[in-house]
Amino acid sequence: MPIVFTWTIRVYYEDTDAGGIVFYANYLKFFERARTEWLRALGIGQHALLAQHGAMFVVSHASIDYHAPAKLDDIITLTLSIEKLGRASVRFVQRASNGATLLASARVKVGCVERASLKPRSLPDAVAAKMRAG
């Protein structure tokens, strides 16, 4: 699925470590925000997903590579695309860049689970259709 979603953020002081660069774990937060904003752009509210379908998303796997540092006040462009849309999960490719410089890249697998049991469940049809459409 070649559709790419883009979200831009600024690096704040709280995002940096003692060396003045973005703390490595914060890229996972940035990628989470990008996925949340992507869902919003598709018209998928996570509260509505829970209330209407009893479903929620959980990260089941993440692998990340760090390529270059980001610093205070940098503007970071976050991108995501779907690598694979399964029946009960979505695998994303995500990137963080500062201009032409790739900062971090990740593969993140998110599963759809039933709220009450936390067991895997199929993506609601309407949600999967919106994801396919982009």
Protein backbone atom coordinates (compact mmCIF):
# COMPACT_ATOMS: atom_id res chain seq x y z
CA MET A 1 0.00 0.00 0.00
CA PRO A 2 1.99 2.97 -1.29
CA ILE A 3 0.02 5.77 0.39
CA VAL A 4 2.28 7.80 2.67
CA PHE A 5 0.99 9.89 5.57
CA THR A 6 3.13 12.80 6.77
CA TRP A 7 3.06 14.59 10.13
CA THR A 8 5.46 17.31 11.27
CA ILE A 9 6.61 18.04 14.82
CA ARG A 10 9.13 20.33 16.50
CA VAL A 11 11.74 19.07 18.97
CA TYR A 12 11.20 20.57 22.41
CA TYR A 13 13.64 20.74 25.29
CA GLU A 14 11.77 17.90 27.05
CA ASP A 15 12.50 15.63 24.04
CA THR A 16 16.26 15.91 24.45
CA ASP A 17 18.79 14.17 26.65
CA ALA A 18 21.75 15.58 28.60
CA GLY A 19 23.74 15.77 25.37
CA GLY A 20 21.13 18.01 23.74
CA ILE A 21 19.92 15.45 21.21
CA VAL A 22 16.55 13.71 20.98
CA PHE A 23 16.47 10.85 23.50
CA TYR A 24 16.31 7.61 21.53
CA ALA A 25 13.06 6.33 23.10
CA ASN A 26 11.23 9.50 22.10
CA TYR A 27 11.22 8.38 18.48
CA LEU A 28 8.75 5.67 19.53
CA LYS A 29 6.53 8.43 20.98
CA PHE A 30 6.86 10.43 17.78
CA PHE A 31 5.91 7.41 15.69
CA GLU A 32 2.93 6.72 17.96
CA ARG A 33 1.72 10.29 17.50
CA ALA A 34 2.02 9.96 13.73
CA ARG A 35 -0.07 6.77 13.75
CA THR A 36 -2.70 8.47 15.93
CA GLU A 37 -2.85 11.49 13.62
CA TRP A 38 -3.09 9.17 10.61
CA LEU A 39 -6.10 7.44 12.18
CA ARG A 40 -7.68 10.85 12.85
CA ALA A 41 -7.08 11.89 9.25
CA LEU A 42 -8.90 8.72 8.15
CA GLY A 43 -11.82 9.58 10.43
CA ILE A 44 -11.04 6.81 12.90
CA GLY A 45 -11.28 7.96 16.49
CA GLN A 46 -9.74 5.59 19.00
CA HIS A 47 -12.42 6.37 21.61
CA ALA A 48 -15.13 5.66 19.03
CA LEU A 49 -13.40 2.43 18.02
CA LEU A 50 -13.50 1.33 21.64
CA ALA A 51 -17.08 2.49 22.27
CA GLN A 52 -18.61 1.22 19.03
CA HIS A 53 -16.63 -1.97 18.44
CA GLY A 54 -15.03 -2.83 21.78
CA ALA A 55 -11.71 -2.84 19.92
CA MET A 56 -8.39 -1.14 20.51
CA PHE A 57 -4.90 -1.18 19.04
CA VAL A 58 -1.79 -2.45 20.79
CA VAL A 59 1.80 -2.50 19.58
CA SER A 60 3.00 -6.08 19.34
CA HIS A 61 6.40 -5.47 17.75
CA ALA A 62 8.71 -2.55 17.02
CA SER A 63 12.18 -2.44 15.53
CA ILE A 64 13.97 0.84 15.04
CA ASP A 65 17.22 1.97 13.48
CA TYR A 66 18.84 5.28 14.33
CA HIS A 67 20.68 7.09 11.54
CA ALA A 68 21.38 10.67 12.66
CA PRO A 69 20.61 12.86 15.69
CA ALA A 70 17.90 15.49 15.96
CA LYS A 71 18.38 18.50 18.21
CA LEU A 72 16.37 21.13 20.04
CA ASP A 73 14.06 23.16 17.75
CA ASP A 74 14.58 20.86 14.75
CA ILE A 75 11.51 20.26 12.64
CA ILE A 76 11.00 16.53 12.20
CA THR A 77 8.91 15.11 9.40
CA LEU A 78 7.33 11.79 10.34
CA THR A 79 6.04 9.49 7.62
CA LEU A 80 4.19 6.22 7.73
CA SER A 81 2.93 3.76 5.21
CA ILE A 82 1.26 0.41 5.56
CA GLU A 83 3.59 -2.43 4.71
CA LYS A 84 0.95 -5.10 5.33
CA LEU A 85 -2.71 -4.93 6.30
CA GLY A 86 -3.75 -8.21 7.86
CA ARG A 87 -7.06 -9.42 9.22
CA ALA A 88 -6.22 -8.43 12.81
CA SER A 89 -3.00 -6.43 12.48
CA VAL A 90 -1.25 -3.68 10.56
CA ARG A 91 2.48 -3.51 9.89
CA PHE A 92 3.83 -0.02 9.31
CA VAL A 93 7.05 1.41 7.93
CA GLN A 94 7.80 4.70 9.67
CA ARG A 95 10.52 7.28 9.18
CA ALA A 96 11.67 10.45 10.92
CA SER A 97 13.61 13.00 8.88
CA ASN A 98 15.02 16.48 9.24
CA GLY A 99 14.96 17.84 5.72
CA ALA A 100 16.81 15.33 3.55
CA THR A 101 18.49 13.70 6.58
CA LEU A 102 16.98 10.41 7.72
CA LEU A 103 17.02 10.36 11.52
CA ALA A 104 15.30 7.07 12.37
CA SER A 105 13.38 4.33 10.61
CA ALA A 106 11.12 1.70 12.11
CA ARG A 107 8.84 -1.21 11.42
CA VAL A 108 5.92 -1.34 13.83
CA LYS A 109 3.26 -4.04 14.04
CA VAL A 110 -0.02 -3.05 15.66
CA GLY A 111 -2.66 -5.60 16.57
CA CYS A 112 -6.37 -5.12 17.03
CA VAL A 113 -7.61 -6.64 20.29
CA GLU A 114 -10.92 -7.05 22.07
CA ARG A 115 -11.12 -4.60 24.97
CA ALA A 116 -12.49 -7.04 27.55
CA SER A 117 -10.18 -9.98 26.88
CA LEU A 118 -7.20 -8.30 25.17
CA LYS A 119 -7.31 -11.19 22.69
CA PRO A 120 -6.77 -10.58 18.98
CA ARG A 121 -9.82 -9.77 16.91
CA SER A 122 -10.48 -8.80 13.32
CA LEU A 123 -10.28 -5.16 12.38
CA PRO A 124 -13.80 -3.78 12.05
CA ASP A 125 -14.72 -3.81 8.35
CA ALA A 126 -15.25 -0.04 8.17
CA VAL A 127 -11.84 0.58 9.77
CA ALA A 128 -10.03 -1.81 7.40
CA ALA A 129 -11.76 -0.19 4.41
CA LYS A 130 -10.61 3.28 5.47
CA MET A 131 -7.06 1.99 5.94
CA ARG A 132 -7.07 0.42 2.47
CA ALA A 133 -8.40 3.62 0.92
CA GLY A 134 -5.73 5.66 2.57
